[in-house]
N, C-alpha and C. Protein backbone atom coordinates (compact mmCIF):
# COMPACT_ATOMS: atom_id res chain seq x y z
N MET A 1 1.10 -1.14 -0.21
CA MET A 1 0.14 -0.04 -0.24
C MET A 1 1.06 1.42 0.01
N PRO A 2 0.95 1.99 -0.78
CA PRO A 2 1.03 3.57 -1.21
C PRO A 2 1.14 4.12 0.30
N ASP A 3 2.39 5.03 0.33
CA ASP A 3 2.60 5.93 1.85
C ASP A 3 1.21 7.09 2.08
N TRP A 4 0.80 7.21 0.51
CA TRP A 4 -0.09 8.35 0.26
C TRP A 4 -1.34 7.77 0.85
N LEU A 5 -1.47 6.76 0.22
CA LEU A 5 -2.77 6.29 1.19
C LEU A 5 -2.98 5.62 2.74
N VAL A 6 -1.83 5.24 3.04
CA VAL A 6 -1.85 5.08 4.59
C VAL A 6 -2.48 6.71 5.11
N PHE A 7 -2.06 7.53 4.54
CA PHE A 7 -2.03 8.79 4.67
C PHE A 7 -3.64 9.15 4.74
N ILE A 8 -4.31 9.30 3.81
CA ILE A 8 -5.54 9.56 3.94
C ILE A 8 -6.24 8.28 4.88
N LEU A 9 -6.22 7.35 4.94
CA LEU A 9 -6.62 6.52 5.27
C LEU A 9 -6.37 7.08 7.73
N LEU A 10 -5.91 7.19 7.10
CA LEU A 10 -5.06 7.68 8.98
C LEU A 10 -6.04 8.96 9.17
N THR A 11 -6.05 9.90 8.21
CA THR A 11 -6.91 11.16 8.49
C THR A 11 -8.21 10.73 8.09
N PHE A 12 -8.76 9.98 7.58
CA PHE A 12 -10.14 9.39 7.67
C PHE A 12 -10.59 9.16 9.00
N LEU A 13 -9.34 8.15 9.70
CA LEU A 13 -9.98 7.75 11.00
C LEU A 13 -9.71 8.53 11.76
N MET A 14 -9.23 10.47 11.40
CA MET A 14 -9.28 11.02 12.55
C MET A 14 -10.86 11.95 12.33
N VAL A 15 -10.99 12.27 11.13
CA VAL A 15 -12.20 12.62 10.76
C VAL A 15 -13.33 11.99 11.25
N ALA A 16 -13.50 10.37 11.45
CA ALA A 16 -14.13 9.46 11.61
C ALA A 16 -14.69 9.58 13.45
N ALA A 17 -13.90 9.60 13.90
CA ALA A 17 -13.21 10.07 15.38
C ALA A 17 -14.38 11.05 15.77
N LEU A 18 -13.96 11.92 15.31
CA LEU A 18 -14.18 13.89 15.50
C LEU A 18 -15.71 13.19 14.83
N SER A 19 -15.94 12.83 14.11
CA SER A 19 -17.36 12.99 13.58
C SER A 19 -18.59 11.64 14.24
N VAL A 20 -17.86 10.75 15.25
CA VAL A 20 -18.45 10.10 16.14
C VAL A 20 -19.03 11.46 17.35
N ILE A 21 -17.96 11.45 17.73
CA ILE A 21 -17.78 12.56 19.01
C ILE A 21 -19.36 13.63 18.47
N PHE A 22 -19.09 14.78 17.58
CA PHE A 22 -20.15 15.44 17.25
C PHE A 22 -21.37 15.38 16.54
N SER A 23 -21.60 13.83 16.38
CA SER A 23 -23.07 13.97 15.60
C SER A 23 -23.70 13.73 16.92
N ARG A 24 -25.05 14.43 15.79
CA ARG A 24 -26.44 14.58 16.75
C ARG A 24 -27.11 12.98 16.40
N SER A 25 -27.12 12.35 16.10
CA SER A 25 -27.57 10.98 15.33
C SER A 25 -26.65 10.11 16.21
N LEU A 26 -27.59 9.15 17.01
CA LEU A 26 -26.72 7.67 17.19
C LEU A 26 -26.82 6.77 16.87
N LEU A 27 -27.72 6.94 15.49
CA LEU A 27 -27.90 5.41 14.55
C LEU A 27 -26.49 6.28 13.45
N TYR A 28 -26.44 7.47 13.31
CA TYR A 28 -25.09 7.82 12.16
C TYR A 28 -23.85 7.71 13.02
N SER A 29 -23.83 8.01 14.36
CA SER A 29 -22.58 7.62 15.22
C SER A 29 -22.02 6.43 15.02
N VAL A 30 -22.91 5.44 15.16
CA VAL A 30 -22.85 3.56 15.00
C VAL A 30 -22.34 3.50 13.13
N ILE A 31 -22.73 3.91 12.47
CA ILE A 31 -22.81 3.91 11.27
C ILE A 31 -21.26 4.08 11.19
N ILE A 32 -20.55 5.26 11.34
CA ILE A 32 -19.71 6.12 11.46
C ILE A 32 -18.35 5.28 12.12
N PHE A 33 -18.64 4.31 13.43
CA PHE A 33 -17.60 3.79 14.01
C PHE A 33 -17.79 2.32 13.37
N GLY A 34 -18.83 1.90 12.72
CA GLY A 34 -18.47 0.43 12.08
C GLY A 34 -17.63 0.59 10.55
N GLY A 35 -17.69 1.88 10.21
CA GLY A 35 -16.79 2.46 9.05
C GLY A 35 -14.83 2.44 9.75
N PHE A 36 -15.39 3.57 10.52
CA PHE A 36 -13.39 3.12 11.68
C PHE A 36 -13.12 1.93 12.00
N SER A 37 -13.84 1.21 12.21
CA SER A 37 -13.51 -0.23 12.53
C SER A 37 -13.12 -1.10 11.31
N LEU A 38 -13.59 -0.61 10.11
CA LEU A 38 -13.11 -1.24 9.13
C LEU A 38 -11.91 -0.85 8.75
N VAL A 39 -11.67 0.27 8.25
CA VAL A 39 -10.47 0.82 8.29
C VAL A 39 -9.06 0.58 9.44
N MET A 40 -9.61 0.83 10.21
CA MET A 40 -8.26 0.05 11.35
C MET A 40 -8.07 -0.89 11.19
N ALA A 41 -9.26 -1.70 10.67
CA ALA A 41 -8.63 -3.30 10.38
C ALA A 41 -7.78 -3.33 9.15
N LEU A 42 -8.02 -2.57 8.37
CA LEU A 42 -7.61 -2.79 6.92
C LEU A 42 -6.12 -2.41 7.35
N LEU A 43 -5.92 -0.84 7.90
CA LEU A 43 -4.95 -0.80 8.81
C LEU A 43 -3.66 -1.89 9.42
N TRP A 44 -4.21 -2.50 10.06
CA TRP A 44 -3.75 -3.15 10.97
C TRP A 44 -2.92 -4.02 10.31
N GLN A 45 -3.60 -4.75 9.13
CA GLN A 45 -3.52 -5.81 8.36
C GLN A 45 -2.49 -5.20 7.25
N HIS A 46 -2.27 -3.91 6.81
CA HIS A 46 -1.27 -3.54 6.31
C HIS A 46 0.10 -3.55 7.18
N PHE A 47 -0.13 -3.18 8.17
CA PHE A 47 1.25 -2.62 9.28
C PHE A 47 1.45 -4.10 9.85
N ASN A 48 1.27 -5.08 9.42
CA ASN A 48 1.71 -6.95 9.24
C ASN A 48 1.29 -6.93 10.69
N ALA A 49 0.01 -7.16 10.94
CA ALA A 49 -0.58 -7.21 12.26
C ALA A 49 -1.21 -7.83 11.81
N PRO A 50 -1.82 -9.59 11.26
CA PRO A 50 -2.93 -9.77 10.74
C PRO A 50 -4.03 -10.75 11.85
N ASP A 51 -2.99 -10.93 13.28
CA ASP A 51 -4.04 -11.83 14.35
C ASP A 51 -4.89 -10.36 15.00
N ILE A 52 -4.13 -8.62 15.14
CA ILE A 52 -4.77 -7.75 15.57
C ILE A 52 -6.44 -7.47 14.19
N ALA A 53 -5.46 -7.80 12.79
CA ALA A 53 -6.81 -6.92 12.19
C ALA A 53 -7.96 -7.98 11.99
N ILE A 54 -7.98 -9.26 12.07
CA ILE A 54 -9.12 -10.31 12.51
C ILE A 54 -9.78 -10.22 13.57
N THR A 55 -9.10 -9.84 14.73
CA THR A 55 -9.99 -9.37 16.30
C THR A 55 -10.50 -7.86 16.02
N GLU A 56 -10.19 -6.93 15.49
CA GLU A 56 -10.51 -6.16 14.98
C GLU A 56 -11.33 -6.18 14.18
N ALA A 57 -11.70 -6.76 13.59
CA ALA A 57 -13.26 -6.95 12.42
C ALA A 57 -13.34 -7.39 13.15
N ALA A 58 -13.76 -8.69 14.22
CA ALA A 58 -14.91 -9.35 14.71
C ALA A 58 -15.22 -8.35 15.22
N VAL A 59 -14.34 -7.60 16.48
CA VAL A 59 -15.05 -7.10 17.37
C VAL A 59 -15.91 -5.73 17.19
N GLY A 60 -15.54 -5.45 15.77
CA GLY A 60 -16.04 -4.09 15.09
C GLY A 60 -17.26 -4.35 14.46
N VAL A 61 -17.47 -5.43 13.78
CA VAL A 61 -18.92 -5.87 13.32
C VAL A 61 -19.63 -6.29 14.29
N GLY A 62 -19.44 -7.28 14.94
CA GLY A 62 -20.40 -7.59 16.30
C GLY A 62 -20.36 -6.44 17.42
N SER A 63 -19.86 -5.81 17.74
CA SER A 63 -19.79 -4.44 18.70
C SER A 63 -20.91 -3.04 17.40
N THR A 64 -20.46 -3.19 16.07
CA THR A 64 -21.44 -2.50 15.29
C THR A 64 -22.95 -3.01 15.53
N VAL A 65 -23.04 -4.32 14.95
CA VAL A 65 -24.12 -4.88 15.08
C VAL A 65 -24.72 -5.25 16.19
N LEU A 66 -24.73 -5.05 17.34
CA LEU A 66 -25.48 -4.89 18.58
C LEU A 66 -25.19 -3.31 19.13
N MET A 67 -24.43 -2.67 18.30
CA MET A 67 -25.40 -0.92 19.12
C MET A 67 -26.57 -0.71 17.84
N VAL A 68 -26.55 -1.39 16.24
CA VAL A 68 -27.24 -0.89 15.64
C VAL A 68 -28.48 -1.05 15.89
N ALA A 69 -28.71 -2.72 16.39
CA ALA A 69 -29.92 -3.21 16.75
C ALA A 69 -30.34 -2.39 18.32
N VAL A 70 -29.86 -1.90 19.29
CA VAL A 70 -29.82 -1.38 20.60
C VAL A 70 -30.58 0.28 20.29
N VAL A 71 -29.76 0.88 19.09
CA VAL A 71 -29.82 1.84 18.68
C VAL A 71 -31.59 2.16 17.79
N THR A 72 -31.75 0.81 17.09
CA THR A 72 -33.35 0.97 16.72
C THR A 72 -34.30 0.19 17.74
N ARG A 73 -33.91 -0.35 18.29
CA ARG A 73 -34.67 -0.61 19.79
C ARG A 73 -35.23 0.39 20.19
N VAL A 74 -34.27 1.36 21.09
CA VAL A 74 -34.52 2.64 22.31
C VAL A 74 -35.22 3.65 20.95
N SER A 75 -35.21 3.69 19.98
CA SER A 75 -35.51 4.69 18.96
C SER A 75 -37.27 4.55 18.66
N LYS A 76 -37.51 2.91 18.68
CA LYS A 76 -38.74 2.97 18.55
C LYS A 76 -39.42 3.32 19.91
N GLY A 77 -39.25 3.45 20.51
CA GLY A 77 -40.28 3.63 21.71
C GLY A 77 -40.00 3.15 23.35
N GLY A 78 -38.46 2.87 23.42
CA GLY A 78 -38.27 2.56 24.93
C GLY A 78 -37.90 0.99 24.95
N MET A 79 -38.05 0.21 26.04
CA MET A 79 -37.71 -1.10 26.36
C MET A 79 -38.92 -2.48 25.92
N PRO A 80 -38.15 -3.11 25.63
CA PRO A 80 -39.84 -4.10 25.75
C PRO A 80 -39.76 -4.78 26.82
N GLU A 81 -41.47 -4.77 26.59
CA GLU A 81 -41.86 -5.63 27.61
C GLU A 81 -41.48 -6.76 28.28
């Protein structure tokens, strides 16, 4: 991977982290967090750490799916009976 592409991905990580913090919508924050996790897994793979990349991908997908389920459940009107 060329150095300029790594720079762009690192810049995306910084922008995504800030947008998660300042986003007003919980669902948008969760979706951005999922993209952050995907890019982070790609960078770990590029830096020759495949074990960390696989772990980041698995935890990122699992937590993103769980958070989307919680946000959609909460936005529909509260906790189930």
